[in-house]
Amino acid sequence: MTKVVVAMSGGVDSSVAAALVKQKGYDVAGVTMKIWGGGPPGEGPRHACYGPGEQADVEDARRVADVLGIPFHVLDLSKEYESEVLDYFRAEYASGRTPNPCSRCNPRIKFGALASKVQESGIRFDYFATGHYARVEYDGTKGRKLLKKAKDLSKDQSYFLALLSQEQIERSLFPVGEYTKHEVRRLAADMGLPVAGKADSQDFAAGGYSSLLGPSTPGPVLDSQGKYLGEHRGIAFYTIGQRKGLGFAAATPMYVTGIDPSRNAVIVGERREVSGDRLVAADLNWIAIDSLNRPTEYKARIRYRHEEDDAFVAPLAEGKVLVKFRKPQMAITPGQTVVFYDGDVVAGGGTIERAEE
């Protein structure tokens, strides 16, 4: 019998995912990873994947597993999460970049370290399922699995999965990707799952992330000519395109256009100064193709909530790519993930290294 391990967060999406694979007649087991190692963020209810209150989510997942009658396992990945996600998170901000913890966590922790630890624990599985809103489809002409957008585009999470390897995608199932969020909640209620009315969690750290970064050092806010405009409270609190909370008054709206860790400075300018149509991306991960060997037109998205737009993607040396958009984009941000789409298929993705003039 086909064996499926479901990564269960204690939320409604992964709970319904477990129920759906059970309905298909698979041999199902649920697993939850513990990543909270104590310390910051401050105490309070947990509304994200990382933070205090983790045990309550573990118990919610356990209750769902009991209702479904499937084995349930809890695995400690706090050390792996610290080294692969939190250390990366801190290092990116310290270097003046804006990290994307979810894009990092999925290939390295959830579909990486967690899946490996499941196997090391003696739990055999053929497929690894999660509650992500995305779809996987086999392309017989290419002989490879394709990652596709979810049916519910308002909940689509393919952007955060774009750095998964072909091997990881081949063994992945996304059962809720064929449903809308409304349908998933209705299924949870119809199935009698105890988390049917549970609120959705937010991404990454509960209660904000600033306490994860340690002490902050104030510094100057400068315009593009180096003129002093005010003082910031620490570069980790700022990102490209930010308009609010700059700490000074101006006659015209001002935006963060750059972060200079060497001077501990935040650079600001007018809207036109934070708009551009070119970027260089590195650490590319191609899913629909083996590699990019010629300029190709895709739709590209530079942030999760950013609307995708037409772009030409051309290969560069060292496996990097130059992305040229048809229209200027607001706030191209080093450290964020850029994802390339061919219709509803994820062609691949990478990390924004820099904006180009």
Protein backbone atom coordinates (compact mmCIF):
# COMPACT_ATOMS: atom_id res chain seq x y z
CA MET A 1 0.00 0.00 0.00
CA THR A 2 1.18 3.53 -0.80
CA LYS A 3 2.43 5.23 2.35
CA VAL A 4 2.02 8.98 2.85
CA VAL A 5 3.47 11.12 5.63
CA VAL A 6 1.62 14.38 6.20
CA ALA A 7 3.37 17.35 7.79
CA MET A 8 0.71 18.57 10.22
CA SER A 9 0.97 22.06 11.70
CA GLY A 10 -2.21 21.91 13.76
CA GLY A 11 -3.97 24.21 11.30
CA VAL A 12 -7.00 23.57 9.13
CA ASP A 13 -5.13 23.21 5.80
CA SER A 14 -2.71 20.45 6.81
CA SER A 15 -5.48 18.73 8.80
CA VAL A 16 -7.73 18.57 5.73
CA ALA A 17 -4.73 17.45 3.65
CA ALA A 18 -4.28 14.49 6.02
CA ALA A 19 -7.99 13.67 5.84
CA LEU A 20 -8.02 13.80 2.04
CA VAL A 21 -5.10 11.41 1.60
CA LYS A 22 -6.69 9.08 4.15
CA GLN A 23 -9.92 9.13 2.09
CA LYS A 24 -7.94 8.01 -0.96
CA GLY A 25 -7.04 4.81 0.85
CA TYR A 26 -3.38 5.55 1.49
CA ASP A 27 -1.53 4.35 4.56
CA VAL A 28 -1.18 7.70 6.35
CA ALA A 29 0.91 8.97 9.27
CA GLY A 30 1.05 12.49 10.64
CA VAL A 31 4.24 14.28 11.72
CA THR A 32 4.74 17.61 13.41
CA MET A 33 8.07 19.33 13.80
CA LYS A 34 9.04 21.24 16.92
CA ILE A 35 11.17 24.26 16.00
CA TRP A 36 10.62 26.60 18.94
CA GLY A 37 13.77 26.65 21.04
CA GLY A 38 12.62 29.18 23.63
CA GLY A 39 13.68 32.78 24.00
CA PRO A 40 12.34 35.59 21.78
CA PRO A 41 9.75 36.46 20.53
CA GLY A 42 8.03 37.42 23.80
CA GLU A 43 5.40 35.33 25.47
CA GLY A 44 1.91 35.33 24.02
CA PRO A 45 -0.39 33.34 21.78
CA ARG A 46 1.23 31.87 18.69
CA HIS A 47 -0.16 32.98 15.34
CA ALA A 48 2.75 32.00 13.13
CA CYS A 49 4.94 29.00 12.41
CA TYR A 50 7.63 30.10 14.89
CA GLY A 51 6.99 31.35 18.39
CA PRO A 52 5.78 30.50 21.88
CA GLY A 53 2.63 28.46 22.14
CA GLU A 54 3.98 25.82 19.77
CA GLN A 55 2.80 23.02 22.07
CA ALA A 56 -0.84 24.08 21.59
CA ASP A 57 -0.47 23.57 17.83
CA VAL A 58 1.20 20.20 18.41
CA GLU A 59 -1.77 19.12 20.52
CA ASP A 60 -4.22 20.35 17.87
CA ALA A 61 -2.43 18.21 15.29
CA ARG A 62 -2.51 15.24 17.67
CA ARG A 63 -6.26 15.65 18.18
CA VAL A 64 -6.83 15.68 14.41
CA ALA A 65 -4.70 12.55 14.01
CA ASP A 66 -6.78 10.84 16.72
CA VAL A 67 -10.00 11.74 14.91
CA LEU A 68 -8.59 10.38 11.65
CA GLY A 69 -7.20 7.29 13.34
CA ILE A 70 -3.68 7.72 12.01
CA PRO A 71 -0.30 7.38 13.79
CA PHE A 72 1.18 10.68 14.94
CA HIS A 73 4.81 11.58 15.57
CA VAL A 74 6.53 14.70 16.90
CA LEU A 75 10.10 15.35 15.79
CA ASP A 76 12.45 17.97 17.20
CA LEU A 77 14.06 20.13 14.51
CA SER A 78 14.85 23.16 16.66
CA LYS A 79 18.62 22.91 16.06
CA GLU A 80 18.19 22.54 12.31
CA TYR A 81 15.77 25.46 12.22
CA GLU A 82 18.17 27.63 14.21
CA SER A 83 21.09 26.95 11.86
CA GLU A 84 19.25 26.93 8.53
CA VAL A 85 16.59 29.62 9.03
CA LEU A 86 17.27 31.84 12.03
CA ASP A 87 21.03 32.22 11.45
CA TYR A 88 20.34 32.98 7.78
CA PHE A 89 17.64 35.46 8.80
CA ARG A 90 19.99 37.36 11.09
CA ALA A 91 22.88 37.33 8.62
CA GLU A 92 20.75 38.68 5.77
CA TYR A 93 19.50 41.64 7.78
CA ALA A 94 23.00 42.35 9.08
CA SER A 95 24.21 42.55 5.46
CA GLY A 96 21.46 45.00 4.47
CA ARG A 97 19.31 42.46 2.63
CA THR A 98 15.71 41.45 3.31
CA PRO A 99 15.45 37.67 3.88
CA ASN A 100 12.62 35.38 2.86
CA PRO A 101 12.41 32.80 5.69
CA CYS A 102 9.53 30.80 4.17
CA SER A 103 11.29 30.26 0.85
CA ARG A 104 14.35 29.14 2.82
CA CYS A 105 12.48 26.91 5.26
CA ASN A 106 10.53 24.85 2.75
CA PRO A 107 13.41 23.21 0.83
CA ARG A 108 15.84 23.05 3.75
CA ILE A 109 13.59 22.23 6.70
CA LYS A 110 10.05 21.08 5.92
CA PHE A 111 10.76 19.16 2.71
CA GLY A 112 14.42 18.63 3.62
CA ALA A 113 15.44 18.05 7.23
CA LEU A 114 11.95 16.98 8.37
CA ALA A 115 11.52 14.45 5.57
CA SER A 116 15.02 13.10 6.26
CA LYS A 117 14.38 12.81 10.00
CA VAL A 118 11.14 10.94 9.31
CA GLN A 119 13.11 8.38 7.33
CA GLU A 120 15.85 8.20 9.99
CA SER A 121 13.12 7.48 12.55
CA GLY A 122 12.19 4.33 10.63
CA ILE A 123 8.94 5.76 9.20
CA ARG A 124 8.87 4.69 5.56
CA PHE A 125 6.89 6.75 3.09
CA ASP A 126 6.34 7.06 -0.64
CA TYR A 127 4.96 10.58 -0.61
CA PHE A 128 5.28 13.62 1.64
CA ALA A 129 2.12 15.74 1.88
CA THR A 130 1.55 19.24 3.24
CA GLY A 131 -1.28 21.75 3.46
CA HIS A 132 0.24 24.16 0.95
CA TYR A 133 -2.02 25.66 -1.69
CA ALA A 134 -0.25 24.46 -4.84
CA ARG A 135 -0.49 21.57 -7.30
CA VAL A 136 1.89 18.99 -8.77
CA GLU A 137 1.38 17.53 -12.23
CA TYR A 138 3.43 15.08 -14.26
CA ASP A 139 4.49 16.23 -17.73
CA GLY A 140 5.03 13.14 -19.85
CA THR A 141 6.71 15.05 -22.68
CA LYS A 142 9.33 16.46 -20.32
CA GLY A 143 9.47 13.43 -18.07
CA ARG A 144 9.32 15.58 -14.94
CA LYS A 145 6.95 16.76 -12.27
CA LEU A 146 5.71 20.34 -12.57
CA LEU A 147 4.86 22.68 -9.73
CA LYS A 148 1.70 24.64 -10.52
CA LYS A 149 -0.40 27.37 -8.95
CA ALA A 150 -3.31 26.40 -6.72
CA LYS A 151 -6.93 26.46 -7.81
CA ASP A 152 -7.53 29.26 -5.30
CA LEU A 153 -5.20 31.98 -6.62
CA SER A 154 -5.93 34.18 -3.60
CA LYS A 155 -4.27 31.50 -1.43
CA ASP A 156 -1.69 30.21 -3.91
CA GLN A 157 1.63 29.40 -2.20
CA SER A 158 3.63 28.20 -5.21
CA TYR A 159 5.87 31.27 -4.74
CA PHE A 160 7.15 29.87 -1.44
CA LEU A 161 7.75 26.43 -2.98
CA ALA A 162 9.73 27.58 -6.00
CA LEU A 163 13.09 26.59 -4.49
CA LEU A 164 12.12 22.94 -4.00
CA SER A 165 14.24 20.50 -5.95
CA GLN A 166 12.79 18.24 -8.63
CA GLU A 167 13.39 15.29 -6.29
CA GLN A 168 11.41 16.98 -3.51
CA ILE A 169 8.55 17.83 -5.87
CA GLU A 170 8.42 14.29 -7.25
CA ARG A 171 7.54 12.90 -3.83
CA SER A 172 5.25 15.76 -2.75
CA LEU A 173 1.46 15.88 -2.52
CA PHE A 174 -0.56 19.07 -2.04
CA PRO A 175 -4.10 17.78 -1.48
CA VAL A 176 -5.74 21.15 -0.75
CA GLY A 177 -4.32 22.73 -3.90
CA GLU A 178 -7.40 21.58 -5.83
CA TYR A 179 -9.75 23.39 -3.42
CA THR A 180 -10.58 26.95 -2.43
CA LYS A 181 -10.03 28.04 1.15
CA HIS A 182 -13.79 28.19 1.65
CA GLU A 183 -14.12 24.60 0.44
CA VAL A 184 -11.31 23.47 2.75
CA ARG A 185 -13.02 24.98 5.79
CA ARG A 186 -16.31 23.38 4.79
CA LEU A 187 -14.58 20.00 4.39
CA ALA A 188 -13.01 20.37 7.84
CA ALA A 189 -16.42 21.01 9.37
CA ASP A 190 -18.09 18.18 7.46
CA MET A 191 -15.32 15.79 8.56
CA GLY A 192 -15.70 16.81 12.19
CA LEU A 193 -12.10 17.99 12.50
CA PRO A 194 -11.54 19.87 15.78
CA VAL A 195 -9.63 22.69 14.04
CA ALA A 196 -12.36 23.55 11.52
CA GLY A 197 -12.86 27.02 13.00
CA LYS A 198 -9.23 27.72 13.89
CA ALA A 199 -7.85 31.05 12.66
CA ASP A 200 -5.24 31.00 9.91
CA SER A 201 -1.65 31.47 11.01
CA GLN A 202 0.66 34.11 9.60
CA ASP A 203 4.08 33.50 8.15
CA PHE A 204 7.23 33.15 10.24
CA ALA A 205 7.57 34.74 13.68
CA ALA A 206 4.72 35.39 16.06
CA GLY A 207 4.60 38.91 17.46
CA GLY A 208 7.13 40.27 14.96
CA TYR A 209 10.75 39.36 14.34
CA SER A 210 12.82 42.21 15.76
CA SER A 211 13.58 40.36 19.00
CA LEU A 212 15.20 37.57 16.98
CA LEU A 213 17.87 39.95 15.75
CA GLY A 214 19.44 41.04 19.02
CA PRO A 215 20.35 44.62 19.98
CA SER A 216 19.85 47.22 17.26
CA THR A 217 22.20 50.11 16.55
CA PRO A 218 20.69 53.46 15.50
CA GLY A 219 22.29 55.27 12.60
CA PRO A 220 21.80 57.98 9.99
CA VAL A 221 19.01 58.28 7.43
CA LEU A 222 20.55 59.83 4.30
CA ASP A 223 19.30 60.94 0.91
CA SER A 224 21.00 59.82 -2.30
CA GLN A 225 23.42 62.76 -2.05
CA GLY A 226 24.48 61.82 1.48
CA LYS A 227 22.52 64.55 3.23
CA TYR A 228 21.55 63.70 6.80
CA LEU A 229 17.77 63.61 7.27
CA GLY A 230 17.31 61.87 10.59
CA GLU A 231 18.15 58.78 12.60
CA HIS A 232 16.92 55.23 12.13
CA ARG A 233 16.48 52.70 14.94
CA GLY A 234 18.46 49.85 13.33
CA ILE A 235 18.82 48.72 9.71
CA ALA A 236 16.97 45.47 10.39
CA PHE A 237 13.74 47.44 10.79
CA TYR A 238 13.83 48.70 7.20
CA THR A 239 13.39 47.26 3.74
CA ILE A 240 13.51 48.60 0.19
CA GLY A 241 10.33 50.48 -0.70
CA GLN A 242 9.32 51.17 2.90
CA ARG A 243 7.55 54.49 3.34
CA LYS A 244 6.26 54.54 6.91
CA GLY A 245 8.29 54.82 10.10
CA LEU A 246 11.30 56.58 8.56
CA GLY A 247 11.70 58.88 11.55
CA PHE A 248 11.63 62.26 9.83
CA ALA A 249 9.19 64.59 8.09
CA ALA A 250 9.47 65.52 4.41
CA ALA A 251 7.54 67.71 1.99
CA THR A 252 7.16 64.82 -0.46
CA PRO A 253 6.70 61.09 0.24
CA MET A 254 10.04 59.37 0.79
CA TYR A 255 10.90 55.69 0.48
CA VAL A 256 13.80 53.48 1.49
CA THR A 257 15.93 53.08 -1.63
CA GLY A 258 18.93 51.34 -0.11
CA ILE A 259 20.55 49.99 3.05
CA ASP A 260 24.28 50.45 3.58
CA PRO A 261 25.55 48.22 6.42
CA SER A 262 29.10 49.56 6.07
CA ARG A 263 27.85 52.96 7.23
CA ASN A 264 24.92 51.59 9.23
CA ALA A 265 22.84 53.92 7.06
CA VAL A 266 19.36 53.83 5.57
CA ILE A 267 19.17 55.61 2.20
CA VAL A 268 15.90 57.25 1.14
CA GLY A 269 14.55 58.95 -1.95
CA GLU A 270 11.46 59.75 -3.95
CA ARG A 271 9.23 57.07 -5.48
CA ARG A 272 11.00 57.23 -8.85
CA GLU A 273 14.26 56.32 -7.10
CA VAL A 274 12.87 53.03 -5.80
CA SER A 275 11.41 51.94 -9.12
CA GLY A 276 13.41 49.86 -11.61
CA ASP A 277 13.04 47.36 -14.41
CA ARG A 278 16.11 45.13 -14.05
CA LEU A 279 17.56 42.77 -11.49
CA VAL A 280 20.21 40.09 -11.20
CA ALA A 281 19.22 36.86 -9.44
CA ALA A 282 21.50 34.12 -8.11
CA ASP A 283 21.14 30.64 -6.61
CA LEU A 284 18.65 29.67 -9.31
CA ASN A 285 16.46 26.60 -8.94
CA TRP A 286 14.80 25.40 -12.15
CA ILE A 287 11.79 23.09 -11.94
CA ALA A 288 10.10 23.00 -15.34
CA ILE A 289 13.46 22.95 -17.18
CA ASP A 290 16.93 21.60 -16.51
CA SER A 291 18.56 25.00 -16.91
CA LEU A 292 18.12 28.28 -18.76
CA ASN A 293 20.35 28.43 -21.84
CA ARG A 294 18.72 31.26 -23.80
CA PRO A 295 16.72 34.43 -23.09
CA THR A 296 13.14 33.42 -22.31
CA GLU A 297 9.98 35.38 -21.59
CA TYR A 298 8.21 34.59 -18.33
CA LYS A 299 5.93 36.24 -15.84
CA ALA A 300 8.04 37.15 -12.82
CA ARG A 301 7.08 37.92 -9.22
CA ILE A 302 9.54 39.70 -6.92
CA ARG A 303 7.55 39.35 -3.66
CA TYR A 304 4.74 37.11 -2.49
CA ARG A 305 2.12 39.87 -2.52
CA HIS A 306 3.61 41.57 -5.58
CA GLU A 307 1.72 41.18 -8.85
CA GLU A 308 3.65 39.15 -11.42
CA ASP A 309 4.65 40.94 -14.62
CA ASP A 310 6.13 40.22 -18.05
CA ALA A 311 9.90 39.84 -18.04
CA PHE A 312 12.74 38.58 -20.21
CA VAL A 313 15.08 36.29 -18.29
CA ALA A 314 18.57 35.85 -19.73
CA PRO A 315 21.37 33.57 -18.49
CA LEU A 316 24.54 35.12 -17.10
CA ALA A 317 27.83 33.67 -15.92
CA GLU A 318 28.03 31.65 -12.69
CA GLY A 319 24.47 30.41 -13.09
CA LYS A 320 22.92 33.82 -12.51
CA VAL A 321 20.22 35.49 -14.61
CA LEU A 322 19.38 39.02 -15.69
CA VAL A 323 15.67 39.82 -15.43
CA LYS A 324 14.38 42.70 -17.58
CA PHE A 325 10.76 43.68 -16.92
CA ARG A 326 8.55 45.27 -19.55
CA LYS A 327 7.41 47.82 -16.96
CA PRO A 328 9.24 49.32 -13.97
CA GLN A 329 8.72 47.46 -10.70
CA MET A 330 8.38 49.00 -7.27
CA ALA A 331 10.97 48.04 -4.67
CA ILE A 332 13.23 45.38 -6.18
CA THR A 333 14.69 44.04 -2.94
CA PRO A 334 17.96 42.10 -2.54
CA GLY A 335 17.42 38.93 -0.51
CA GLN A 336 13.84 38.38 -1.65
CA THR A 337 12.80 35.50 -3.91
CA VAL A 338 12.02 36.06 -7.58
CA VAL A 339 9.81 33.39 -9.13
CA PHE A 340 9.25 32.76 -12.84
CA TYR A 341 5.92 31.52 -14.18
CA ASP A 342 4.95 30.03 -17.53
CA GLY A 343 1.18 30.35 -17.26
CA ASP A 344 0.28 28.52 -14.06
CA VAL A 345 3.52 26.50 -14.09
CA VAL A 346 6.47 27.50 -11.91
CA ALA A 347 9.47 27.50 -14.21
CA GLY A 348 11.86 28.20 -11.35
CA GLY A 349 13.08 30.81 -8.94
CA GLY A 350 16.10 32.35 -7.32
CA THR A 351 17.30 35.02 -4.90
CA ILE A 352 17.46 38.68 -5.91
CA GLU A 353 21.10 39.70 -5.70
CA ARG A 354 20.76 43.31 -6.77
CA ALA A 355 18.73 45.76 -8.82
CA GLU A 356 20.40 46.92 -12.03
CA GLU A 357 20.43 50.45 -13.44
